[in-house]
């Protein structure tokens, strides 16, 4: 299942490969 995560913080300021960095998530697509 592929999920889209989004966060308002800048790319350079987050651990972008860590799912815990993202506040908003979609329901996923198989």
ModelCIF file with pLDDT and N, C-alpha, C, O atoms, coordinates in Angstrom:
data_MODEL
#
_entry.id   MODEL 
#
_entity.id                         1 
_entity.type                       polymer 
_entity.pdbx_number_of_molecules   1 
#
_entity_poly.entity_id                      1 
_entity_poly.type                           'polypeptide(L)' 
_entity_poly.nstd_linkage                   no 
_entity_poly.nstd_monomer                   no 
_entity_poly.pdbx_seq_one_letter_code       
;(UNK)(UNK)(UNK)(UNK)(UNK)(UNK)(UNK)(UNK)(UNK)(UNK)(UNK)(UNK)(UNK)(UNK)(UNK)(UNK)
(UNK)(UNK)(UNK)(UNK)(UNK)(UNK)(UNK)(UNK)(UNK)(UNK)(UNK)(UNK)(UNK)(UNK)
;
_entity_poly.pdbx_seq_one_letter_code_can   XXXXXXXXXXXXXXXXXXXXXXXXXXXXXX 
_entity_poly.pdbx_strand_id                 A 
#
loop_
_entity_poly_seq.entity_id 
_entity_poly_seq.num 
_entity_poly_seq.mon_id 
_entity_poly_seq.hetero 
1 1  UNK n 
1 2  UNK n 
1 3  UNK n 
1 4  UNK n 
1 5  UNK n 
1 6  UNK n 
1 7  UNK n 
1 8  UNK n 
1 9  UNK n 
1 10 UNK n 
1 11 UNK n 
1 12 UNK n 
1 13 UNK n 
1 14 UNK n 
1 15 UNK n 
1 16 UNK n 
1 17 UNK n 
1 18 UNK n 
1 19 UNK n 
1 20 UNK n 
1 21 UNK n 
1 22 UNK n 
1 23 UNK n 
1 24 UNK n 
1 25 UNK n 
1 26 UNK n 
1 27 UNK n 
1 28 UNK n 
1 29 UNK n 
1 30 UNK n 
#
_struct_asym.id          A 
_struct_asym.entity_id   1 
#
loop_
_ma_qa_metric.id 
_ma_qa_metric.mode 
_ma_qa_metric.name 
_ma_qa_metric.software_group_id 
_ma_qa_metric.type 
1 global pLDDT . pLDDT 
2 local  pLDDT . pLDDT 
#
_ma_qa_metric_global.metric_id      1 
_ma_qa_metric_global.metric_value   96.70 
_ma_qa_metric_global.model_id       1 
_ma_qa_metric_global.ordinal_id     1 
#
loop_
_ma_qa_metric_local.label_asym_id 
_ma_qa_metric_local.label_comp_id 
_ma_qa_metric_local.label_seq_id 
_ma_qa_metric_local.metric_id 
_ma_qa_metric_local.metric_value 
_ma_qa_metric_local.model_id 
_ma_qa_metric_local.ordinal_id 
A UNK 1  2 98.00 1 1  
A UNK 2  2 98.00 1 2  
A UNK 3  2 98.00 1 3  
A UNK 4  2 98.00 1 4  
A UNK 5  2 97.00 1 5  
A UNK 6  2 97.00 1 6  
A UNK 7  2 96.00 1 7  
A UNK 8  2 95.00 1 8  
A UNK 9  2 95.00 1 9  
A UNK 10 2 95.00 1 10 
A UNK 11 2 95.00 1 11 
A UNK 12 2 94.00 1 12 
A UNK 13 2 95.00 1 13 
A UNK 14 2 95.00 1 14 
A UNK 15 2 97.00 1 15 
A UNK 16 2 97.00 1 16 
A UNK 17 2 97.00 1 17 
A UNK 18 2 98.00 1 18 
A UNK 19 2 97.00 1 19 
A UNK 20 2 97.00 1 20 
A UNK 21 2 97.00 1 21 
A UNK 22 2 97.00 1 22 
A UNK 23 2 96.00 1 23 
A UNK 24 2 96.00 1 24 
A UNK 25 2 97.00 1 25 
A UNK 26 2 97.00 1 26 
A UNK 27 2 98.00 1 27 
A UNK 28 2 98.00 1 28 
A UNK 29 2 98.00 1 29 
A UNK 30 2 98.00 1 30 
#
loop_
_atom_site.group_PDB 
_atom_site.id 
_atom_site.type_symbol 
_atom_site.label_atom_id 
_atom_site.label_alt_id 
_atom_site.label_comp_id 
_atom_site.label_asym_id 
_atom_site.label_entity_id 
_atom_site.label_seq_id 
_atom_site.pdbx_PDB_ins_code 
_atom_site.Cartn_x 
_atom_site.Cartn_y 
_atom_site.Cartn_z 
_atom_site.occupancy 
_atom_site.B_iso_or_equiv 
_atom_site.pdbx_formal_charge 
_atom_site.auth_seq_id 
_atom_site.auth_comp_id 
_atom_site.auth_asym_id 
_atom_site.auth_atom_id 
_atom_site.pdbx_PDB_model_num 
ATOM 1   N N  . UNK A 1 1  ? 0.873  -1.174 0.000  1.00 98.00 ? 1  UNK A N  1 
ATOM 2   C CA . UNK A 1 1  ? 0.000  0.000  0.000  1.00 98.00 ? 1  UNK A CA 1 
ATOM 3   C C  . UNK A 1 1  ? 0.908  1.221  0.000  1.00 98.00 ? 1  UNK A C  1 
ATOM 4   O O  . UNK A 1 1  ? 1.812  1.337  0.827  1.00 98.00 ? 1  UNK A O  1 
ATOM 5   N N  . UNK A 1 2  ? 0.658  2.125  -0.932 1.00 98.00 ? 2  UNK A N  1 
ATOM 6   C CA . UNK A 1 2  ? 1.466  3.327  -1.068 1.00 98.00 ? 2  UNK A CA 1 
ATOM 7   C C  . UNK A 1 2  ? 0.721  4.508  -0.453 1.00 98.00 ? 2  UNK A C  1 
ATOM 8   O O  . UNK A 1 2  ? -0.444 4.760  -0.759 1.00 98.00 ? 2  UNK A O  1 
ATOM 9   N N  . UNK A 1 3  ? 1.433  5.231  0.431  1.00 98.00 ? 3  UNK A N  1 
ATOM 10  C CA . UNK A 1 3  ? 0.849  6.352  1.155  1.00 98.00 ? 3  UNK A CA 1 
ATOM 11  C C  . UNK A 1 3  ? 1.575  7.653  0.804  1.00 98.00 ? 3  UNK A C  1 
ATOM 12  O O  . UNK A 1 3  ? 2.778  7.666  0.541  1.00 98.00 ? 3  UNK A O  1 
ATOM 13  N N  . UNK A 1 4  ? 0.820  8.725  0.808  1.00 98.00 ? 4  UNK A N  1 
ATOM 14  C CA . UNK A 1 4  ? 1.351  10.060 0.606  1.00 98.00 ? 4  UNK A CA 1 
ATOM 15  C C  . UNK A 1 4  ? 1.334  10.798 1.945  1.00 98.00 ? 4  UNK A C  1 
ATOM 16  O O  . UNK A 1 4  ? 0.293  10.903 2.593  1.00 98.00 ? 4  UNK A O  1 
ATOM 17  N N  . UNK A 1 5  ? 2.494  11.305 2.349  1.00 97.00 ? 5  UNK A N  1 
ATOM 18  C CA . UNK A 1 5  ? 2.593  12.097 3.564  1.00 97.00 ? 5  UNK A CA 1 
ATOM 19  C C  . UNK A 1 5  ? 2.953  13.537 3.219  1.00 97.00 ? 5  UNK A C  1 
ATOM 20  O O  . UNK A 1 5  ? 3.694  13.784 2.267  1.00 97.00 ? 5  UNK A O  1 
ATOM 21  N N  . UNK A 1 6  ? 2.433  14.483 3.985  1.00 97.00 ? 6  UNK A N  1 
ATOM 22  C CA . UNK A 1 6  ? 2.707  15.897 3.725  1.00 97.00 ? 6  UNK A CA 1 
ATOM 23  C C  . UNK A 1 6  ? 2.986  16.633 5.027  1.00 97.00 ? 6  UNK A C  1 
ATOM 24  O O  . UNK A 1 6  ? 2.404  16.329 6.068  1.00 97.00 ? 6  UNK A O  1 
ATOM 25  N N  . UNK A 1 7  ? 3.888  17.607 4.950  1.00 96.00 ? 7  UNK A N  1 
ATOM 26  C CA . UNK A 1 7  ? 4.233  18.390 6.129  1.00 96.00 ? 7  UNK A CA 1 
ATOM 27  C C  . UNK A 1 7  ? 4.560  19.819 5.706  1.00 96.00 ? 7  UNK A C  1 
ATOM 28  O O  . UNK A 1 7  ? 5.178  20.025 4.662  1.00 96.00 ? 7  UNK A O  1 
ATOM 29  N N  . UNK A 1 8  ? 4.148  20.818 6.510  1.00 95.00 ? 8  UNK A N  1 
ATOM 30  C CA . UNK A 1 8  ? 4.406  22.209 6.110  1.00 95.00 ? 8  UNK A CA 1 
ATOM 31  C C  . UNK A 1 8  ? 5.852  22.655 6.256  1.00 95.00 ? 8  UNK A C  1 
ATOM 32  O O  . UNK A 1 8  ? 6.227  23.694 5.713  1.00 95.00 ? 8  UNK A O  1 
ATOM 33  N N  . UNK A 1 9  ? 6.670  21.904 6.969  1.00 95.00 ? 9  UNK A N  1 
ATOM 34  C CA . UNK A 1 9  ? 8.057  22.308 7.148  1.00 95.00 ? 9  UNK A CA 1 
ATOM 35  C C  . UNK A 1 9  ? 8.889  22.061 5.894  1.00 95.00 ? 9  UNK A C  1 
ATOM 36  O O  . UNK A 1 9  ? 8.554  21.216 5.064  1.00 95.00 ? 9  UNK A O  1 
ATOM 37  N N  . UNK A 1 10 ? 9.966  22.805 5.776  1.00 95.00 ? 10 UNK A N  1 
ATOM 38  C CA . UNK A 1 10 ? 10.817 22.728 4.589  1.00 95.00 ? 10 UNK A CA 1 
ATOM 39  C C  . UNK A 1 10 ? 11.520 21.378 4.493  1.00 95.00 ? 10 UNK A C  1 
ATOM 40  O O  . UNK A 1 10 ? 11.861 20.756 5.499  1.00 95.00 ? 10 UNK A O  1 
ATOM 41  N N  . UNK A 1 11 ? 11.721 20.953 3.265  1.00 95.00 ? 11 UNK A N  1 
ATOM 42  C CA . UNK A 1 11 ? 12.391 19.683 2.949  1.00 95.00 ? 11 UNK A CA 1 
ATOM 43  C C  . UNK A 1 11 ? 13.722 19.570 3.675  1.00 95.00 ? 11 UNK A C  1 
ATOM 44  O O  . UNK A 1 11 ? 14.062 18.508 4.196  1.00 95.00 ? 11 UNK A O  1 
ATOM 45  N N  . UNK A 1 12 ? 14.469 20.657 3.709  1.00 94.00 ? 12 UNK A N  1 
ATOM 46  C CA . UNK A 1 12 ? 15.811 20.618 4.286  1.00 94.00 ? 12 UNK A CA 1 
ATOM 47  C C  . UNK A 1 12 ? 15.793 20.595 5.821  1.00 94.00 ? 12 UNK A C  1 
ATOM 48  O O  . UNK A 1 12 ? 16.830 20.390 6.452  1.00 94.00 ? 12 UNK A O  1 
ATOM 49  N N  . UNK A 1 13 ? 14.632 20.803 6.409  1.00 95.00 ? 13 UNK A N  1 
ATOM 50  C CA . UNK A 1 13 ? 14.572 20.920 7.863  1.00 95.00 ? 13 UNK A CA 1 
ATOM 51  C C  . UNK A 1 13 ? 13.945 19.725 8.547  1.00 95.00 ? 13 UNK A C  1 
ATOM 52  O O  . UNK A 1 13 ? 13.790 19.721 9.768  1.00 95.00 ? 13 UNK A O  1 
ATOM 53  N N  . UNK A 1 14 ? 13.581 18.712 7.781  1.00 95.00 ? 14 UNK A N  1 
ATOM 54  C CA . UNK A 1 14 ? 12.995 17.522 8.400  1.00 95.00 ? 14 UNK A CA 1 
ATOM 55  C C  . UNK A 1 14 ? 13.764 16.280 7.965  1.00 95.00 ? 14 UNK A C  1 
ATOM 56  O O  . UNK A 1 14 ? 14.493 16.300 6.973  1.00 95.00 ? 14 UNK A O  1 
ATOM 57  N N  . UNK A 1 15 ? 13.593 15.216 8.710  1.00 97.00 ? 15 UNK A N  1 
ATOM 58  C CA . UNK A 1 15 ? 14.098 13.904 8.303  1.00 97.00 ? 15 UNK A CA 1 
ATOM 59  C C  . UNK A 1 15 ? 13.074 13.322 7.331  1.00 97.00 ? 15 UNK A C  1 
ATOM 60  O O  . UNK A 1 15 ? 12.179 12.574 7.726  1.00 97.00 ? 15 UNK A O  1 
ATOM 61  N N  . UNK A 1 16 ? 13.217 13.674 6.070  1.00 97.00 ? 16 UNK A N  1 
ATOM 62  C CA . UNK A 1 16 ? 12.172 13.397 5.086  1.00 97.00 ? 16 UNK A CA 1 
ATOM 63  C C  . UNK A 1 16 ? 11.976 11.904 4.827  1.00 97.00 ? 16 UNK A C  1 
ATOM 64  O O  . UNK A 1 16 ? 10.961 11.518 4.247  1.00 97.00 ? 16 UNK A O  1 
ATOM 65  N N  . UNK A 1 17 ? 12.911 11.062 5.237  1.00 97.00 ? 17 UNK A N  1 
ATOM 66  C CA . UNK A 1 17 ? 12.748 9.625  5.035  1.00 97.00 ? 17 UNK A CA 1 
ATOM 67  C C  . UNK A 1 17 ? 12.165 8.928  6.270  1.00 97.00 ? 17 UNK A C  1 
ATOM 68  O O  . UNK A 1 17 ? 12.111 7.700  6.320  1.00 97.00 ? 17 UNK A O  1 
ATOM 69  N N  . UNK A 1 18 ? 11.736 9.703  7.254  1.00 98.00 ? 18 UNK A N  1 
ATOM 70  C CA . UNK A 1 18 ? 11.149 9.177  8.478  1.00 98.00 ? 18 UNK A CA 1 
ATOM 71  C C  . UNK A 1 18 ? 9.645  9.452  8.448  1.00 98.00 ? 18 UNK A C  1 
ATOM 72  O O  . UNK A 1 18 ? 9.245  10.615 8.383  1.00 98.00 ? 18 UNK A O  1 
ATOM 73  N N  . UNK A 1 19 ? 8.808  8.426  8.493  1.00 97.00 ? 19 UNK A N  1 
ATOM 74  C CA . UNK A 1 19 ? 7.357  8.659  8.438  1.00 97.00 ? 19 UNK A CA 1 
ATOM 75  C C  . UNK A 1 19 ? 6.851  9.527  9.587  1.00 97.00 ? 19 UNK A C  1 
ATOM 76  O O  . UNK A 1 19 ? 5.817  10.182 9.457  1.00 97.00 ? 19 UNK A O  1 
ATOM 77  N N  . UNK A 1 20 ? 7.571  9.540  10.713 1.00 97.00 ? 20 UNK A N  1 
ATOM 78  C CA . UNK A 1 20 ? 7.145  10.361 11.855 1.00 97.00 ? 20 UNK A CA 1 
ATOM 79  C C  . UNK A 1 20 ? 7.283  11.857 11.576 1.00 97.00 ? 20 UNK A C  1 
ATOM 80  O O  . UNK A 1 20 ? 6.764  12.672 12.338 1.00 97.00 ? 20 UNK A O  1 
ATOM 81  N N  . UNK A 1 21 ? 7.972  12.231 10.497 1.00 97.00 ? 21 UNK A N  1 
ATOM 82  C CA . UNK A 1 21 ? 8.148  13.642 10.167 1.00 97.00 ? 21 UNK A CA 1 
ATOM 83  C C  . UNK A 1 21 ? 6.914  14.254 9.520  1.00 97.00 ? 21 UNK A C  1 
ATOM 84  O O  . UNK A 1 21 ? 6.835  15.475 9.389  1.00 97.00 ? 21 UNK A O  1 
ATOM 85  N N  . UNK A 1 22 ? 5.956  13.442 9.117  1.00 97.00 ? 22 UNK A N  1 
ATOM 86  C CA . UNK A 1 22 ? 4.818  13.930 8.337  1.00 97.00 ? 22 UNK A CA 1 
ATOM 87  C C  . UNK A 1 22 ? 3.556  13.971 9.176  1.00 97.00 ? 22 UNK A C  1 
ATOM 88  O O  . UNK A 1 22 ? 3.217  13.005 9.860  1.00 97.00 ? 22 UNK A O  1 
ATOM 89  N N  . UNK A 1 23 ? 2.860  15.103 9.117  1.00 96.00 ? 23 UNK A N  1 
ATOM 90  C CA . UNK A 1 23 ? 1.677  15.298 9.937  1.00 96.00 ? 23 UNK A CA 1 
ATOM 91  C C  . UNK A 1 23 ? 0.405  14.834 9.244  1.00 96.00 ? 23 UNK A C  1 
ATOM 92  O O  . UNK A 1 23 ? -0.519 14.342 9.891  1.00 96.00 ? 23 UNK A O  1 
ATOM 93  N N  . UNK A 1 24 ? 0.363  14.993 7.914  1.00 96.00 ? 24 UNK A N  1 
ATOM 94  C CA . UNK A 1 24 ? -0.855 14.662 7.158  1.00 96.00 ? 24 UNK A CA 1 
ATOM 95  C C  . UNK A 1 24 ? -0.609 13.446 6.288  1.00 96.00 ? 24 UNK A C  1 
ATOM 96  O O  . UNK A 1 24 ? 0.445  13.319 5.665  1.00 96.00 ? 24 UNK A O  1 
ATOM 97  N N  . UNK A 1 25 ? -1.597 12.541 6.247  1.00 97.00 ? 25 UNK A N  1 
ATOM 98  C CA . UNK A 1 25 ? -1.476 11.311 5.470  1.00 97.00 ? 25 UNK A CA 1 
ATOM 99  C C  . UNK A 1 25 ? -2.756 11.051 4.680  1.00 97.00 ? 25 UNK A C  1 
ATOM 100 O O  . UNK A 1 25 ? -3.857 11.384 5.119  1.00 97.00 ? 25 UNK A O  1 
ATOM 101 N N  . UNK A 1 26 ? -2.585 10.453 3.511  1.00 97.00 ? 26 UNK A N  1 
ATOM 102 C CA . UNK A 1 26 ? -3.726 9.977  2.753  1.00 97.00 ? 26 UNK A CA 1 
ATOM 103 C C  . UNK A 1 26 ? -4.091 8.562  3.181  1.00 97.00 ? 26 UNK A C  1 
ATOM 104 O O  . UNK A 1 26 ? -3.370 7.954  3.972  1.00 97.00 ? 26 UNK A O  1 
ATOM 105 N N  . UNK A 1 27 ? -5.202 8.028  2.671  1.00 98.00 ? 27 UNK A N  1 
ATOM 106 C CA . UNK A 1 27 ? -5.668 6.692  3.050  1.00 98.00 ? 27 UNK A CA 1 
ATOM 107 C C  . UNK A 1 27 ? -4.892 5.563  2.379  1.00 98.00 ? 27 UNK A C  1 
ATOM 108 O O  . UNK A 1 27 ? -4.998 4.411  2.801  1.00 98.00 ? 27 UNK A O  1 
ATOM 109 N N  . UNK A 1 28 ? -4.101 5.877  1.328  1.00 98.00 ? 28 UNK A N  1 
ATOM 110 C CA . UNK A 1 28 ? -3.301 4.857  0.664  1.00 98.00 ? 28 UNK A CA 1 
ATOM 111 C C  . UNK A 1 28 ? -3.951 4.300  -0.587 1.00 98.00 ? 28 UNK A C  1 
ATOM 112 O O  . UNK A 1 28 ? -5.167 4.375  -0.763 1.00 98.00 ? 28 UNK A O  1 
ATOM 113 N N  . UNK A 1 29 ? -3.111 3.735  -1.460 1.00 98.00 ? 29 UNK A N  1 
ATOM 114 C CA . UNK A 1 29 ? -3.576 3.072  -2.673 1.00 98.00 ? 29 UNK A CA 1 
ATOM 115 C C  . UNK A 1 29 ? -2.758 1.793  -2.860 1.00 98.00 ? 29 UNK A C  1 
ATOM 116 O O  . UNK A 1 29 ? -1.536 1.800  -2.717 1.00 98.00 ? 29 UNK A O  1 
ATOM 117 N N  . UNK A 1 30 ? -3.445 0.700  -3.181 1.00 98.00 ? 30 UNK A N  1 
ATOM 118 C CA . UNK A 1 30 ? -2.793 -0.604 -3.275 1.00 98.00 ? 30 UNK A CA 1 
ATOM 119 C C  . UNK A 1 30 ? -2.106 -0.763 -4.633 1.00 98.00 ? 30 UNK A C  1 
ATOM 120 O O  . UNK A 1 30 ? -1.500 -1.800 -4.902 1.00 98.00 ? 30 UNK A O  1 
#
